[in-house]
Amino acid sequence: CAASGFVVSINAMGWYRQAPGKERELVEISSNGGIT
């Protein structure tokens, strides 16, 4: 996943997923401070 635009303001990046018939759920996310 490549970010562009106003990227200096991003403080966390990660991934979610959504299976058919289910709600979107967190997979994993990492903050700029290294907290996962």
Full PDB file with SEQRES, HELIX, SHEET, SSBOND, CRYST1, ORIGX, SCALE, CONECT and MASTER records, all heavy atoms in Angstrom:
SEQRES   1 A   36  CYS ALA ALA SER GLY PHE VAL VAL SER ILE ASN ALA MET          
SEQRES   2 A   36  GLY TRP TYR ARG GLN ALA PRO GLY LYS GLU ARG GLU LEU          
SEQRES   3 A   36  VAL GLU ILE SER SER ASN GLY GLY ILE THR                      
HELIX    1 AA1 VAL A    7  SER A    9  5                                   3    
SHEET    1 AA1 2 ALA A  12  ARG A  17  0                                        
SHEET    2 AA1 2 GLU A  25  SER A  31 -1                                        
CRYST1    1.000    1.000    1.000  90.00  90.00  90.00 P 1           1          
ORIGX1      1.000000  0.000000  0.000000        0.00000                         
ORIGX2      0.000000  1.000000  0.000000        0.00000                         
ORIGX3      0.000000  0.000000  1.000000        0.00000                         
SCALE1      1.000000  0.000000  0.000000        0.00000                         
SCALE2      0.000000  1.000000  0.000000        0.00000                         
SCALE3      0.000000  0.000000  1.000000        0.00000                         
ATOM      1  N   CYS A   1       0.862  -1.184   0.000  1.00  0.00           N  
ATOM      2  CA  CYS A   1       0.000   0.000   0.000  1.00  0.00           C  
ATOM      3  C   CYS A   1       0.894   1.228   0.000  1.00  0.00           C  
ATOM      4  O   CYS A   1       1.621   1.473   0.966  1.00  0.00           O  
ATOM      5  CB  CYS A   1      -0.911   0.010   1.210  1.00  0.00           C  
ATOM      6  SG  CYS A   1      -1.862   1.537   1.404  1.00  0.00           S  
ATOM      7  N   ALA A   2       0.817   1.991  -1.086  1.00  0.00           N  
ATOM      8  CA  ALA A   2       1.618   3.207  -1.210  1.00  0.00           C  
ATOM      9  C   ALA A   2       0.745   4.424  -0.970  1.00  0.00           C  
ATOM     10  O   ALA A   2      -0.317   4.565  -1.582  1.00  0.00           O  
ATOM     11  CB  ALA A   2       2.253   3.277  -2.591  1.00  0.00           C  
ATOM     12  N   ALA A   3       1.186   5.296  -0.086  1.00  0.00           N  
ATOM     13  CA  ALA A   3       0.450   6.517   0.229  1.00  0.00           C  
ATOM     14  C   ALA A   3       1.031   7.692  -0.531  1.00  0.00           C  
ATOM     15  O   ALA A   3       2.242   7.797  -0.711  1.00  0.00           O  
ATOM     16  CB  ALA A   3       0.506   6.791   1.728  1.00  0.00           C  
ATOM     17  N   SER A   4       0.152   8.588  -0.956  1.00  0.00           N  
ATOM     18  CA  SER A   4       0.580   9.814  -1.618  1.00  0.00           C  
ATOM     19  C   SER A   4      -0.321  10.950  -1.148  1.00  0.00           C  
ATOM     20  O   SER A   4      -1.350  10.735  -0.527  1.00  0.00           O  
ATOM     21  CB  SER A   4       0.533   9.671  -3.137  1.00  0.00           C  
ATOM     22  OG  SER A   4      -0.781   9.381  -3.575  1.00  0.00           O  
ATOM     23  N   GLY A   5       0.091  12.164  -1.471  1.00  0.00           N  
ATOM     24  CA  GLY A   5      -0.667  13.328  -1.030  1.00  0.00           C  
ATOM     25  C   GLY A   5      -0.067  13.896   0.236  1.00  0.00           C  
ATOM     26  O   GLY A   5       1.151  13.983   0.368  1.00  0.00           O  
ATOM     27  N   PHE A   6      -0.895  14.247   1.199  1.00  0.00           N  
ATOM     28  CA  PHE A   6      -0.466  14.911   2.421  1.00  0.00           C  
ATOM     29  C   PHE A   6       0.006  13.879   3.443  1.00  0.00           C  
ATOM     30  O   PHE A   6      -0.555  13.722   4.528  1.00  0.00           O  
ATOM     31  CB  PHE A   6      -1.612  15.760   2.976  1.00  0.00           C  
ATOM     32  CG  PHE A   6      -1.180  16.756   4.003  1.00  0.00           C  
ATOM     33  CD1 PHE A   6      -0.113  17.612   3.767  1.00  0.00           C  
ATOM     34  CD2 PHE A   6      -1.838  16.849   5.228  1.00  0.00           C  
ATOM     35  CE1 PHE A   6       0.292  18.529   4.712  1.00  0.00           C  
ATOM     36  CE2 PHE A   6      -1.444  17.771   6.192  1.00  0.00           C  
ATOM     37  CZ  PHE A   6      -0.384  18.609   5.934  1.00  0.00           C  
ATOM     38  N   VAL A   7       1.080  13.150   3.086  1.00  0.00           N  
ATOM     39  CA  VAL A   7       1.506  12.003   3.881  1.00  0.00           C  
ATOM     40  C   VAL A   7       2.184  12.402   5.183  1.00  0.00           C  
ATOM     41  O   VAL A   7       2.264  11.585   6.110  1.00  0.00           O  
ATOM     42  CB  VAL A   7       2.435  11.083   3.060  1.00  0.00           C  
ATOM     43  CG1 VAL A   7       1.685  10.514   1.866  1.00  0.00           C  
ATOM     44  CG2 VAL A   7       3.680  11.825   2.623  1.00  0.00           C  
ATOM     45  N   VAL A   8       2.681  13.626   5.283  1.00  0.00           N  
ATOM     46  CA  VAL A   8       3.388  14.021   6.495  1.00  0.00           C  
ATOM     47  C   VAL A   8       2.486  14.006   7.717  1.00  0.00           C  
ATOM     48  O   VAL A   8       2.968  13.934   8.857  1.00  0.00           O  
ATOM     49  CB  VAL A   8       4.021  15.430   6.345  1.00  0.00           C  
ATOM     50  CG1 VAL A   8       5.108  15.404   5.274  1.00  0.00           C  
ATOM     51  CG2 VAL A   8       2.976  16.481   6.025  1.00  0.00           C  
ATOM     52  N   SER A   9       1.179  14.041   7.492  1.00  0.00           N  
ATOM     53  CA  SER A   9       0.238  14.100   8.606  1.00  0.00           C  
ATOM     54  C   SER A   9      -0.206  12.715   9.074  1.00  0.00           C  
ATOM     55  O   SER A   9      -0.903  12.596  10.072  1.00  0.00           O  
ATOM     56  CB  SER A   9      -0.995  14.907   8.197  1.00  0.00           C  
ATOM     57  OG  SER A   9      -1.663  14.254   7.144  1.00  0.00           O  
ATOM     58  N   ILE A  10       0.202  11.670   8.360  1.00  0.00           N  
ATOM     59  CA  ILE A  10      -0.214  10.316   8.736  1.00  0.00           C  
ATOM     60  C   ILE A  10       0.463   9.910  10.033  1.00  0.00           C  
ATOM     61  O   ILE A  10       1.677  10.064  10.179  1.00  0.00           O  
ATOM     62  CB  ILE A  10       0.141   9.317   7.622  1.00  0.00           C  
ATOM     63  CG1 ILE A  10      -0.682   9.610   6.367  1.00  0.00           C  
ATOM     64  CG2 ILE A  10      -0.114   7.891   8.093  1.00  0.00           C  
ATOM     65  CD1 ILE A  10      -0.269   8.769   5.170  1.00  0.00           C  
ATOM     66  N   ASN A  11      -0.319   9.383  10.987  1.00  0.00           N  
ATOM     67  CA  ASN A  11       0.300   8.923  12.231  1.00  0.00           C  
ATOM     68  C   ASN A  11       0.177   7.420  12.445  1.00  0.00           C  
ATOM     69  O   ASN A  11       0.731   6.881  13.403  1.00  0.00           O  
ATOM     70  CB  ASN A  11      -0.243   9.692  13.434  1.00  0.00           C  
ATOM     71  CG  ASN A  11      -1.756   9.663  13.503  1.00  0.00           C  
ATOM     72  OD1 ASN A  11      -2.363   8.620  13.292  1.00  0.00           O  
ATOM     73  ND2 ASN A  11      -2.368  10.796  13.799  1.00  0.00           N  
ATOM     74  N   ALA A  12      -0.541   6.726  11.565  1.00  0.00           N  
ATOM     75  CA  ALA A  12      -0.623   5.264  11.652  1.00  0.00           C  
ATOM     76  C   ALA A  12      -1.055   4.721  10.299  1.00  0.00           C  
ATOM     77  O   ALA A  12      -1.821   5.365   9.578  1.00  0.00           O  
ATOM     78  CB  ALA A  12      -1.611   4.824  12.721  1.00  0.00           C  
ATOM     79  N   MET A  13      -0.568   3.540   9.983  1.00  0.00           N  
ATOM     80  CA  MET A  13      -0.979   2.847   8.746  1.00  0.00           C  
ATOM     81  C   MET A  13      -1.134   1.374   9.040  1.00  0.00           C  
ATOM     82  O   MET A  13      -0.428   0.803   9.887  1.00  0.00           O  
ATOM     83  CB  MET A  13       0.040   3.037   7.624  1.00  0.00           C  
ATOM     84  CG  MET A  13       0.086   4.448   7.059  1.00  0.00           C  
ATOM     85  SD  MET A  13       1.173   4.558   5.605  1.00  0.00           S  
ATOM     86  CE  MET A  13       0.174   3.708   4.373  1.00  0.00           C  
ATOM     87  N   GLY A  14      -2.051   0.753   8.317  1.00  0.00           N  
ATOM     88  CA  GLY A  14      -2.236  -0.680   8.525  1.00  0.00           C  
ATOM     89  C   GLY A  14      -3.268  -1.251   7.593  1.00  0.00           C  
ATOM     90  O   GLY A  14      -3.542  -0.680   6.527  1.00  0.00           O  
ATOM     91  N   TRP A  15      -3.838  -2.375   8.009  1.00  0.00           N  
ATOM     92  CA  TRP A  15      -4.736  -3.137   7.154  1.00  0.00           C  
ATOM     93  C   TRP A  15      -5.977  -3.603   7.917  1.00  0.00           C  
ATOM     94  O   TRP A  15      -5.888  -3.972   9.100  1.00  0.00           O  
ATOM     95  CB  TRP A  15      -4.004  -4.367   6.611  1.00  0.00           C  
ATOM     96  CG  TRP A  15      -2.864  -4.006   5.719  1.00  0.00           C  
ATOM     97  CD1 TRP A  15      -1.570  -3.744   6.101  1.00  0.00           C  
ATOM     98  CD2 TRP A  15      -2.895  -3.852   4.300  1.00  0.00           C  
ATOM     99  NE1 TRP A  15      -0.799  -3.438   5.008  1.00  0.00           N  
ATOM    100  CE2 TRP A  15      -1.595  -3.502   3.883  1.00  0.00           C  
ATOM    101  CE3 TRP A  15      -3.891  -3.989   3.340  1.00  0.00           C  
ATOM    102  CZ2 TRP A  15      -1.278  -3.293   2.543  1.00  0.00           C  
ATOM    103  CZ3 TRP A  15      -3.567  -3.776   2.010  1.00  0.00           C  
ATOM    104  CH2 TRP A  15      -2.276  -3.426   1.631  1.00  0.00           C  
ATOM    105  N   TYR A  16      -7.098  -3.582   7.201  1.00  0.00           N  
ATOM    106  CA  TYR A  16      -8.357  -4.165   7.644  1.00  0.00           C  
ATOM    107  C   TYR A  16      -8.781  -5.169   6.578  1.00  0.00           C  
ATOM    108  O   TYR A  16      -8.245  -5.184   5.472  1.00  0.00           O  
ATOM    109  CB  TYR A  16      -9.422  -3.085   7.812  1.00  0.00           C  
ATOM    110  CG  TYR A  16      -9.224  -2.195   9.015  1.00  0.00           C  
ATOM    111  CD1 TYR A  16      -8.185  -1.275   9.068  1.00  0.00           C  
ATOM    112  CD2 TYR A  16     -10.087  -2.266  10.105  1.00  0.00           C  
ATOM    113  CE1 TYR A  16      -8.004  -0.452  10.168  1.00  0.00           C  
ATOM    114  CE2 TYR A  16      -9.928  -1.451  11.215  1.00  0.00           C  
ATOM    115  CZ  TYR A  16      -8.881  -0.548  11.235  1.00  0.00           C  
ATOM    116  OH  TYR A  16      -8.709   0.265  12.329  1.00  0.00           O  
ATOM    117  N   ARG A  17      -9.773  -5.973   6.900  1.00  0.00           N  
ATOM    118  CA  ARG A  17     -10.309  -6.898   5.907  1.00  0.00           C  
ATOM    119  C   ARG A  17     -11.815  -7.054   6.096  1.00  0.00           C  
ATOM    120  O   ARG A  17     -12.340  -6.825   7.190  1.00  0.00           O  
ATOM    121  CB  ARG A  17      -9.611  -8.250   5.979  1.00  0.00           C  
ATOM    122  CG  ARG A  17      -9.972  -9.087   7.195  1.00  0.00           C  
ATOM    123  CD  ARG A  17      -9.157 -10.368   7.215  1.00  0.00           C  
ATOM    124  NE  ARG A  17      -9.608 -11.276   8.254  1.00  0.00           N  
ATOM    125  CZ  ARG A  17      -9.029 -12.443   8.532  1.00  0.00           C  
ATOM    126  NH1 ARG A  17      -7.952 -12.825   7.839  1.00  0.00           N  
ATOM    127  NH2 ARG A  17      -9.499 -13.214   9.481  1.00  0.00           N  
ATOM    128  N   GLN A  18     -12.464  -7.459   5.018  1.00  0.00           N  
ATOM    129  CA  GLN A  18     -13.904  -7.692   5.060  1.00  0.00           C  
ATOM    130  C   GLN A  18     -14.226  -8.923   4.245  1.00  0.00           C  
ATOM    131  O   GLN A  18     -14.004  -8.944   3.023  1.00  0.00           O  
ATOM    132  CB  GLN A  18     -14.669  -6.473   4.531  1.00  0.00           C  
ATOM    133  CG  GLN A  18     -16.160  -6.566   4.717  1.00  0.00           C  
ATOM    134  CD  GLN A  18     -16.849  -5.236   4.482  1.00  0.00           C  
ATOM    135  OE1 GLN A  18     -16.295  -4.304   3.908  1.00  0.00           O  
ATOM    136  NE2 GLN A  18     -18.079  -5.115   4.945  1.00  0.00           N  
ATOM    137  N   ALA A  19     -14.759  -9.925   4.917  1.00  0.00           N  
ATOM    138  CA  ALA A  19     -15.189 -11.155   4.259  1.00  0.00           C  
ATOM    139  C   ALA A  19     -16.658 -11.002   3.860  1.00  0.00           C  
ATOM    140  O   ALA A  19     -17.387 -10.193   4.435  1.00  0.00           O  
ATOM    141  CB  ALA A  19     -15.009 -12.337   5.203  1.00  0.00           C  
ATOM    142  N   PRO A  20     -17.116 -11.775   2.880  1.00  0.00           N  
ATOM    143  CA  PRO A  20     -18.519 -11.685   2.444  1.00  0.00           C  
ATOM    144  C   PRO A  20     -19.485 -11.872   3.607  1.00  0.00           C  
ATOM    145  O   PRO A  20     -19.355 -12.833   4.384  1.00  0.00           O  
ATOM    146  CB  PRO A  20     -18.645 -12.819   1.426  1.00  0.00           C  
ATOM    147  CG  PRO A  20     -17.271 -13.014   0.911  1.00  0.00           C  
ATOM    148  CD  PRO A  20     -16.354 -12.747   2.071  1.00  0.00           C  
ATOM    149  N   GLY A  21     -20.435 -10.963   3.734  1.00  0.00           N  
ATOM    150  CA  GLY A  21     -21.444 -11.066   4.771  1.00  0.00           C  
ATOM    151  C   GLY A  21     -20.984 -10.681   6.165  1.00  0.00           C  
ATOM    152  O   GLY A  21     -21.739 -10.817   7.124  1.00  0.00           O  
ATOM    153  N   LYS A  22     -19.743 -10.201   6.275  1.00  0.00           N  
ATOM    154  CA  LYS A  22     -19.201  -9.828   7.585  1.00  0.00           C  
ATOM    155  C   LYS A  22     -18.802  -8.364   7.600  1.00  0.00           C  
ATOM    156  O   LYS A  22     -18.608  -7.742   6.562  1.00  0.00           O  
ATOM    157  CB  LYS A  22     -18.006 -10.710   7.939  1.00  0.00           C  
ATOM    158  CG  LYS A  22     -18.356 -12.181   8.119  1.00  0.00           C  
ATOM    159  CD  LYS A  22     -17.162 -12.957   8.635  1.00  0.00           C  
ATOM    160  CE  LYS A  22     -17.519 -14.407   8.884  1.00  0.00           C  
ATOM    161  NZ  LYS A  22     -16.354 -15.187   9.412  1.00  0.00           N  
ATOM    162  N   GLU A  23     -18.644  -7.827   8.808  1.00  0.00           N  
ATOM    163  CA  GLU A  23     -18.195  -6.454   8.952  1.00  0.00           C  
ATOM    164  C   GLU A  23     -16.683  -6.362   8.730  1.00  0.00           C  
ATOM    165  O   GLU A  23     -15.945  -7.329   8.889  1.00  0.00           O  
ATOM    166  CB  GLU A  23     -18.551  -5.936  10.346  1.00  0.00           C  
ATOM    167  CG  GLU A  23     -20.046  -5.820  10.607  1.00  0.00           C  
ATOM    168  CD  GLU A  23     -20.342  -5.184  11.944  1.00  0.00           C  
ATOM    169  OE1 GLU A  23     -19.392  -4.955  12.717  1.00  0.00           O  
ATOM    170  OE2 GLU A  23     -21.526  -4.894  12.211  1.00  0.00           O  
ATOM    171  N   ARG A  24     -16.259  -5.156   8.382  1.00  0.00           N  
ATOM    172  CA  ARG A  24     -14.831  -4.911   8.225  1.00  0.00           C  
ATOM    173  C   ARG A  24     -14.167  -5.033   9.603  1.00  0.00           C  
ATOM    174  O   ARG A  24     -14.684  -4.539  10.605  1.00  0.00           O  
ATOM    175  CB  ARG A  24     -14.602  -3.525   7.639  1.00  0.00           C  
ATOM    176  CG  ARG A  24     -13.183  -3.259   7.200  1.00  0.00           C  
ATOM    177  CD  ARG A  24     -13.058  -1.945   6.456  1.00  0.00           C  
ATOM    178  NE  ARG A  24     -13.863  -1.945   5.234  1.00  0.00           N  
ATOM    179  CZ  ARG A  24     -13.819  -0.965   4.324  1.00  0.00           C  
ATOM    180  NH1 ARG A  24     -13.017   0.072   4.512  1.00  0.00           N  
ATOM    181  NH2 ARG A  24     -14.572  -1.027   3.250  1.00  0.00           N  
ATOM    182  N   GLU A  25     -13.007  -5.688   9.622  1.00  0.00           N  
ATOM    183  CA  GLU A  25     -12.321  -5.904  10.895  1.00  0.00           C  
ATOM    184  C   GLU A  25     -10.842  -5.556  10.780  1.00  0.00           C  
ATOM    185  O   GLU A  25     -10.239  -5.639   9.704  1.00  0.00           O  
ATOM    186  CB  GLU A  25     -12.464  -7.373  11.346  1.00  0.00           C  
ATOM    187  CG  GLU A  25     -11.875  -8.382  10.396  1.00  0.00           C  
ATOM    188  CD  GLU A  25     -12.035  -9.820  10.897  1.00  0.00           C  
ATOM    189  OE1 GLU A  25     -12.441 -10.028  12.053  1.00  0.00           O  
ATOM    190  OE2 GLU A  25     -11.737 -10.741  10.104  1.00  0.00           O  
ATOM    191  N   LEU A  26     -10.278  -5.195  11.906  1.00  0.00           N  
ATOM    192  CA  LEU A  26      -8.858  -4.877  11.956  1.00  0.00           C  
ATOM    193  C   LEU A  26      -8.021  -6.128  11.711  1.00  0.00           C  
ATOM    194  O   LEU A  26      -8.297  -7.191  12.257  1.00  0.00           O  
ATOM    195  CB  LEU A  26      -8.504  -4.297  13.329  1.00  0.00           C  
ATOM    196  CG  LEU A  26      -7.020  -4.108  13.620  1.00  0.00           C  
ATOM    197  CD1 LEU A  26      -6.446  -2.975  12.792  1.00  0.00           C  
ATOM    198  CD2 LEU A  26      -6.793  -3.868  15.111  1.00  0.00           C  
ATOM    199  N   VAL A  27      -6.999  -5.984  10.881  1.00  0.00           N  
ATOM    200  CA  VAL A  27      -5.974  -7.019  10.761  1.00  0.00           C  
ATOM    201  C   VAL A  27      -4.791  -6.600  11.646  1.00  0.00           C  
ATOM    202  O   VAL A  27      -4.512  -7.215  12.667  1.00  0.00           O  
ATOM    203  CB  VAL A  27      -5.524  -7.203   9.307  1.00  0.00           C  
ATOM    204  CG1 VAL A  27      -4.402  -8.245   9.230  1.00  0.00           C  
ATOM    205  CG2 VAL A  27      -6.700  -7.618   8.433  1.00  0.00           C  
ATOM    206  N   GLU A  28      -4.139  -5.531  11.256  1.00  0.00           N  
ATOM    207  CA  GLU A  28      -2.972  -5.058  11.998  1.00  0.00           C  
ATOM    208  C   GLU A  28      -2.691  -3.626  11.590  1.00  0.00           C  
ATOM    209  O   GLU A  28      -2.842  -3.260  10.427  1.00  0.00           O  
ATOM    210  CB  GLU A  28      -1.757  -5.947  11.686  1.00  0.00           C  
ATOM    211  CG  GLU A  28      -0.573  -5.751  12.604  1.00  0.00           C  
ATOM    212  CD  GLU A  28       0.433  -6.902  12.524  1.00  0.00           C  
ATOM    213  OE1 GLU A  28       0.162  -7.907  11.834  1.00  0.00           O  
ATOM    214  OE2 GLU A  28       1.492  -6.788  13.163  1.00  0.00           O  
ATOM    215  N   ILE A  29      -2.285  -2.821  12.559  1.00  0.00           N  
ATOM    216  CA  ILE A  29      -1.984  -1.430  12.273  1.00  0.00           C  
ATOM    217  C   ILE A  29      -0.792  -1.004  13.102  1.00  0.00           C  
ATOM    218  O   ILE A  29      -0.600  -1.489  14.221  1.00  0.00           O  
ATOM    219  CB  ILE A  29      -3.218  -0.538  12.529  1.00  0.00           C  
ATOM    220  CG1 ILE A  29      -3.021   0.853  11.930  1.00  0.00           C  
ATOM    221  CG2 ILE A  29      -3.550  -0.464  14.010  1.00  0.00           C  
ATOM    222  CD1 ILE A  29      -4.316   1.608  11.763  1.00  0.00           C  
ATOM    223  N   SER A  30       0.022  -0.129  12.534  1.00  0.00           N  
ATOM    224  CA  SER A  30       1.253   0.305  13.183  1.00  0.00           C  
ATOM    225  C   SER A  30       1.301   1.822  13.236  1.00  0.00           C  
ATOM    226  O   SER A  30       1.094   2.498  12.223  1.00  0.00           O  
ATOM    227  CB  SER A  30       2.464  -0.222  12.392  1.00  0.00           C  
ATOM    228  OG  SER A  30       3.669   0.327  12.901  1.00  0.00           O  
ATOM    229  N   SER A  31       1.595   2.353  14.424  1.00  0.00           N  
ATOM    230  CA  SER A  31       1.709   3.797  14.560  1.00  0.00           C  
ATOM    231  C   SER A  31       3.121   4.247  14.219  1.00  0.00           C  
ATOM    232  O   SER A  31       4.059   3.445  14.167  1.00  0.00           O  
ATOM    233  CB  SER A  31       1.377   4.219  15.988  1.00  0.00           C  
ATOM    234  OG  SER A  31       2.439   3.848  16.862  1.00  0.00           O  
ATOM    235  N   ASN A  32       3.275   5.533  13.994  1.00  0.00           N  
ATOM    236  CA  ASN A  32       4.595   6.073  13.701  1.00  0.00           C  
ATOM    237  C   ASN A  32       5.553   5.874  14.876  1.00  0.00           C  
ATOM    238  O   ASN A  32       6.766   5.829  14.687  1.00  0.00           O  
ATOM    239  CB  ASN A  32       4.505   7.562  13.360  1.00  0.00           C  
ATOM    240  CG  ASN A  32       3.850   7.807  12.030  1.00  0.00           C  
ATOM    241  OD1 ASN A  32       3.520   6.871  11.300  1.00  0.00           O  
ATOM    242  ND2 ASN A  32       3.638   9.067  11.702  1.00  0.00           N  
ATOM    243  N   GLY A  33       4.986   5.744  16.064  1.00  0.00           N  
ATOM    244  CA  GLY A  33       5.804   5.518  17.238  1.00  0.00           C  
ATOM    245  C   GLY A  33       6.200   4.067  17.433  1.00  0.00           C  
ATOM    246  O   GLY A  33       6.861   3.732  18.422  1.00  0.00           O  
ATOM    247  N   GLY A  34       5.798   3.207  16.500  1.00  0.00           N  
ATOM    248  CA  GLY A  34       6.203   1.805  16.561  1.00  0.00           C  
ATOM    249  C   GLY A  34       5.268   0.902  17.338  1.00  0.00           C  
ATOM    250  O   GLY A  34       5.575  -0.268  17.557  1.00  0.00           O  
ATOM    251  N   ILE A  35       4.119   1.429  17.753  1.00  0.00           N  
ATOM    252  CA  ILE A  35       3.156   0.592  18.467  1.00  0.00           C  
ATOM    253  C   ILE A  35       2.296  -0.134  17.443  1.00  0.00           C  
ATOM    254  O   ILE A  35       1.715   0.487  16.560  1.00  0.00           O  
ATOM    255  CB  ILE A  35       2.278   1.445  19.398  1.00  0.00           C  
ATOM    256  CG1 ILE A  35       3.155   2.122  20.457  1.00  0.00           C  
ATOM    257  CG2 ILE A  35       1.210   0.584  20.050  1.00  0.00           C  
ATOM    258  CD1 ILE A  35       2.405   3.113  21.320  1.00  0.00           C  
ATOM    259  N   THR A  36       2.202  -1.455  17.583  1.00  0.00           N  
ATOM    260  CA  THR A  36       1.442  -2.289  16.652  1.00  0.00           C  
ATOM    261  C   THR A  36       0.258  -2.907  17.373  1.00  0.00           C  
ATOM    262  O   THR A  36       0.403  -3.436  18.479  1.00  0.00           O  
ATOM    263  CB  THR A  36       2.322  -3.389  16.064  1.00  0.00           C  
ATOM    264  OG1 THR A  36       3.410  -2.786  15.357  1.00  0.00           O  
ATOM    265  CG2 THR A  36       1.530  -4.244  15.089  1.00  0.00           C  
TER     266      THR A  36                                                      
MASTER        0    0    0    1    2    0    0    6  265    1    0    3          
END                                                                             
